[in-house]
C-alpha atoms as a PDB file:
ATOM      1  CA  MET A   1      96.632 114.708  72.479  1.00  0.00           C
ATOM      2  CA  ASN A   2      97.818 111.588  70.658  1.00  0.00           C
ATOM      3  CA  LYS A   3      99.333 110.289  73.909  1.00  0.00           C
ATOM      4  CA  ILE A   4      96.006 110.712  75.683  1.00  0.00           C
ATOM      5  CA  ILE A   5      94.117 108.859  72.947  1.00  0.00           C
ATOM      6  CA  LEU A   6      96.665 106.054  72.843  1.00  0.00           C
ATOM      7  CA  ALA A   7      96.646 105.806  76.655  1.00  0.00           C
ATOM      8  CA  GLY A   8      92.826 105.728  76.744  1.00  0.00           C
ATOM      9  CA  LEU A   9      92.710 103.071  74.023  1.00  0.00           C
ATOM     10  CA  THR A  10      95.317 100.975  75.834  1.00  0.00           C
ATOM     11  CA  TYR A  11      93.487 101.309  79.151  1.00  0.00           C
ATOM     12  CA  PHE A  12      90.204 100.357  77.480  1.00  0.00           C
ATOM     13  CA  ALA A  13      91.780  97.359  75.709  1.00  0.00           C
ATOM     14  CA  ILE A  14      93.331  95.987  78.901  1.00  0.00           C
ATOM     15  CA  VAL A  15      90.118  96.342  80.887  1.00  0.00           C
ATOM     16  CA  LEU A  16      87.844  95.098  78.089  1.00  0.00           C
ATOM     17  CA  GLY A  17      90.094  92.133  77.323  1.00  0.00           C
ATOM     18  CA  SER A  18      90.247  91.147  80.973  1.00  0.00           C
ATOM     19  CA  GLY A  19      86.504  91.591  81.316  1.00  0.00           C
ATOM     20  CA  PHE A  20      85.923  89.390  78.287  1.00  0.00           C
ATOM     21  CA  VAL A  21      88.065  86.576  79.704  1.00  0.00           C
ATOM     22  CA  LEU A  22      86.444  86.865  83.123  1.00  0.00           C
ATOM     23  CA  GLY A  23      83.007  87.057  81.518  1.00  0.00           C
ATOM     24  CA  VAL A  24      83.517  83.763  79.719  1.00  0.00           C
ATOM     25  CA  PHE A  25      84.593  82.130  82.984  1.00  0.00           C
ATOM     26  CA  ARG A  26      81.664  83.745  84.821  1.00  0.00           C
ATOM     27  CA  VAL A  27      79.037  82.605  82.310  1.00  0.00           C
ATOM     28  CA  LEU A  28      80.382  79.078  81.856  1.00  0.00           C
ATOM     29  CA  PHE A  29      81.327  78.216  85.421  1.00  0.00           C
ATOM     30  CA  LEU A  30      79.906  80.619  87.993  1.00  0.00           C
ATOM     31  CA  VAL A  31      76.425  81.492  86.741  1.00  0.00           C
ATOM     32  CA  PRO A  32      75.228  77.850  86.643  1.00  0.00           C
ATOM     33  CA  ARG A  33      76.486  77.321  90.201  1.00  0.00           C
ATOM     34  CA  ILE A  34      75.681  80.540  92.048  1.00  0.00           C
ATOM     35  CA  GLY A  35      73.384  82.526  89.744  1.00  0.00           C
ATOM     36  CA  GLU A  36      73.834  85.649  87.664  1.00  0.00           C
ATOM     37  CA  ARG A  37      73.807  88.234  90.471  1.00  0.00           C
ATOM     38  CA  TRP A  38      76.372  86.488  92.662  1.00  0.00           C
ATOM     39  CA  ALA A  39      78.559  85.588  89.691  1.00  0.00           C
ATOM     40  CA  GLU A  40      78.645  89.220  88.563  1.00  0.00           C
ATOM     41  CA  LEU A  41      79.339  90.411  92.099  1.00  0.00           C
ATOM     42  CA  ALA A  42      82.160  87.863  92.461  1.00  0.00           C
ATOM     43  CA  GLU A  43      83.750  89.230  89.285  1.00  0.00           C
ATOM     44  CA  MET A  44      83.663  92.871  90.422  1.00  0.00           C
ATOM     45  CA  PRO A  45      86.631  92.848  92.860  1.00  0.00           C
ATOM     46  CA  ILE A  46      88.798  91.197  90.214  1.00  0.00           C
ATOM     47  CA  MET A  47      87.788  93.837  87.677  1.00  0.00           C
ATOM     48  CA  ALA A  48      88.492  96.563  90.250  1.00  0.00           C
ATOM     49  CA  ALA A  49      92.011  95.150  90.637  1.00  0.00           C
ATOM     50  CA  VAL A  50      92.425  95.041  86.847  1.00  0.00           C
ATOM     51  CA  ILE A  51      91.337  98.683  86.624  1.00  0.00           C
ATOM     52  CA  PHE A  52      93.777  99.658  89.378  1.00  0.00           C
ATOM     53  CA  LEU A  53      96.692  97.856  87.714  1.00  0.00           C
ATOM     54  CA  ALA A  54      95.805  99.026  84.198  1.00  0.00           C
ATOM     55  CA  ALA A  55      95.616 102.654  85.357  1.00  0.00           C
ATOM     56  CA  GLY A  56      99.091 102.348  86.877  1.00  0.00           C
ATOM     57  CA  TYR A  57     100.359 100.761  83.675  1.00  0.00           C
ATOM     58  CA  ILE A  58      99.159 103.561  81.418  1.00  0.00           C
ATOM     59  CA  LEU A  59     100.639 106.179  83.745  1.00  0.00           C
ATOM     60  CA  ARG A  60     104.026 104.439  83.503  1.00  0.00           C
ATOM     61  CA  ARG A  61     103.771 103.712  79.776  1.00  0.00           C
ATOM     62  CA  PHE A  62     102.479 107.162  78.788  1.00  0.00           C
ATOM     63  CA  PRO A  63     104.175 109.750  81.036  1.00  0.00           C
ATOM     64  CA  GLY A  64     102.643 112.514  78.898  1.00  0.00           C
ATOM     65  CA  ILE A  65      99.265 111.924  80.571  1.00  0.00           C
ATOM     66  CA  ARG A  66     100.617 112.516  84.080  1.00  0.00           C
ATOM     67  CA  SER A  67      98.512 115.578  84.716  1.00  0.00           C
ATOM     68  CA  THR A  68      95.050 115.995  86.127  1.00  0.00           C
ATOM     69  CA  GLY A  69      93.580 116.738  82.708  1.00  0.00           C
ATOM     70  CA  GLY A  70      95.534 114.077  80.847  1.00  0.00           C
ATOM     71  CA  SER A  71      94.777 111.301  83.307  1.00  0.00           C
ATOM     72  CA  LEU A  72      91.079 112.192  83.434  1.00  0.00           C
ATOM     73  CA  ALA A  73      90.866 112.443  79.641  1.00  0.00           C
ATOM     74  CA  ALA A  74      92.396 108.973  79.231  1.00  0.00           C
ATOM     75  CA  GLY A  75      90.053 107.553  81.877  1.00  0.00           C
ATOM     76  CA  PHE A  76      86.931 109.111  80.417  1.00  0.00           C
ATOM     77  CA  LEU A  77      87.917 107.999  76.917  1.00  0.00           C
ATOM     78  CA  ALA A  78      88.198 104.438  78.236  1.00  0.00           C
ATOM     79  CA  LEU A  79      84.805 104.855  79.917  1.00  0.00           C
ATOM     80  CA  ALA A  80      83.165 106.075  76.694  1.00  0.00           C
ATOM     81  CA  LEU A  81      84.663 103.215  74.696  1.00  0.00           C
ATOM     82  CA  THR A  82      83.581 100.693  77.349  1.00  0.00           C
ATOM     83  CA  VAL A  83      79.997 101.947  77.371  1.00  0.00           C
ATOM     84  CA  CYS A  84      79.885 101.921  73.558  1.00  0.00           C
ATOM     85  CA  ALA A  85      81.281  98.391  73.447  1.00  0.00           C
ATOM     86  CA  GLU A  86      78.865  97.154  76.111  1.00  0.00           C
ATOM     87  CA  LEU A  87      75.827  98.693  74.448  1.00  0.00           C
ATOM     88  CA  GLY A  88      76.999  97.662  70.988  1.00  0.00           C
ATOM     89  CA  LEU A  89      77.402  94.051  72.058  1.00  0.00           C
ATOM     90  CA  ALA A  90      73.981  94.042  73.690  1.00  0.00           C
ATOM     91  CA  VAL A  91      72.242  95.534  70.666  1.00  0.00           C
ATOM     92  CA  VAL A  92      74.125  93.674  67.918  1.00  0.00           C
ATOM     93  CA  LEU A  93      74.971  90.280  69.400  1.00  0.00           C
ATOM     94  CA  GLN A  94      72.042  89.830  71.739  1.00  0.00           C
ATOM     95  CA  SER A  95      69.486  91.554  69.484  1.00  0.00           C
ATOM     96  CA  GLN A  96      68.306  93.708  72.374  1.00  0.00           C
ATOM     97  CA  THR A  97      67.126  97.263  72.231  1.00  0.00           C
ATOM     98  CA  LEU A  98      68.841  99.707  74.558  1.00  0.00           C
ATOM     99  CA  ALA A  99      65.778  99.695  76.831  1.00  0.00           C
ATOM    100  CA  GLU A 100      65.714  95.878  76.932  1.00  0.00           C
ATOM    101  CA  PHE A 101      69.404  95.787  77.792  1.00  0.00           C
ATOM    102  CA  LEU A 102      69.024  98.287  80.631  1.00  0.00           C
ATOM    103  CA  ASN A 103      65.952  96.489  81.990  1.00  0.00           C
ATOM    104  CA  SER A 104      67.746  93.134  81.860  1.00  0.00           C
ATOM    105  CA  ARG A 105      70.467  94.265  84.267  1.00  0.00           C
ATOM    106  CA  ASP A 106      70.225  93.011  87.822  1.00  0.00           C
ATOM    107  CA  LYS A 107      69.491  95.961  90.102  1.00  0.00           C
ATOM    108  CA  VAL A 108      72.162  95.056  92.669  1.00  0.00           C
ATOM    109  CA  SER A 109      75.034  93.921  90.451  1.00  0.00           C
ATOM    110  CA  GLY A 110      74.067  96.512  87.843  1.00  0.00           C
ATOM    111  CA  SER A 111      74.398  99.283  90.428  1.00  0.00           C
ATOM    112  CA  VAL A 112      77.812  97.998  91.489  1.00  0.00           C
ATOM    113  CA  TYR A 113      78.783  97.836  87.802  1.00  0.00           C
ATOM    114  CA  LEU A 114      77.837 101.507  87.344  1.00  0.00           C
ATOM    115  CA  VAL A 115      80.058 102.443  90.285  1.00  0.00           C
ATOM    116  CA  LEU A 116      82.864 100.381  88.768  1.00  0.00           C
ATOM    117  CA  LEU A 117      82.461 102.289  85.492  1.00  0.00           C
ATOM    118  CA  LEU A 118      82.948 105.543  87.385  1.00  0.00           C
ATOM    119  CA  VAL A 119      86.013 104.050  89.068  1.00  0.00           C
ATOM    120  CA  LEU A 120      87.327 103.145  85.600  1.00  0.00           C
ATOM    121  CA  ALA A 121      87.012 106.775  84.539  1.00  0.00           C
ATOM    122  CA  VAL A 122      88.769 108.314  87.551  1.00  0.00           C
ATOM    123  CA  MET A 123      91.335 105.644  88.462  1.00  0.00           C
ATOM    124  CA  PRO A 124      94.153 107.086  86.325  1.00  0.00           C
ATOM    125  CA  ARG A 125      93.680 110.374  88.186  1.00  0.00           C
ATOM    126  CA  LEU A 126      93.557 108.611  91.549  1.00  0.00           C
ATOM    127  CA  ARG A 127      96.723 106.639  90.708  1.00  0.00           C
ATOM    128  CA  LEU A 128      98.485 109.815  89.560  1.00  0.00           C
ATOM    129  CA  GLN A 129      99.506 110.547  93.149  1.00  0.00           C
ATOM    130  CA  SER A 130     101.692 107.428  93.341  1.00  0.00           C
ATOM    131  CA  HIS A 131     103.401 108.243  90.036  1.00  0.00           C
ATOM    132  CA  ALA A 132     104.300 111.863  90.744  1.00  0.00           C
END
């Protein structure tokens, strides 16, 4: 169980850290030029690649999670931590209620983001095939 928690925390940290760096770039450079929706959509393929690579990394680094249950547990732990971090930042740093945060999301890029969150959760399991 400790391996799963450590793998999930590592996965979360890699993805969150990358998202933070990309988010700074997006807000400072892309949003003023192409708008919020297109800037968020431009970031999504890069984040998908980060998720893919990070999932492979945790499978190599933590061989104890190389099972269906272990890989899914690590992925869903990373998902839960990501959602908590996202909502926490919105509520604390932006002084938004949960409802305000959800209503502020762009419908198109927000929908793609939700799909990407699901990909985050299942990617370790999907990558498990190549590490068997």
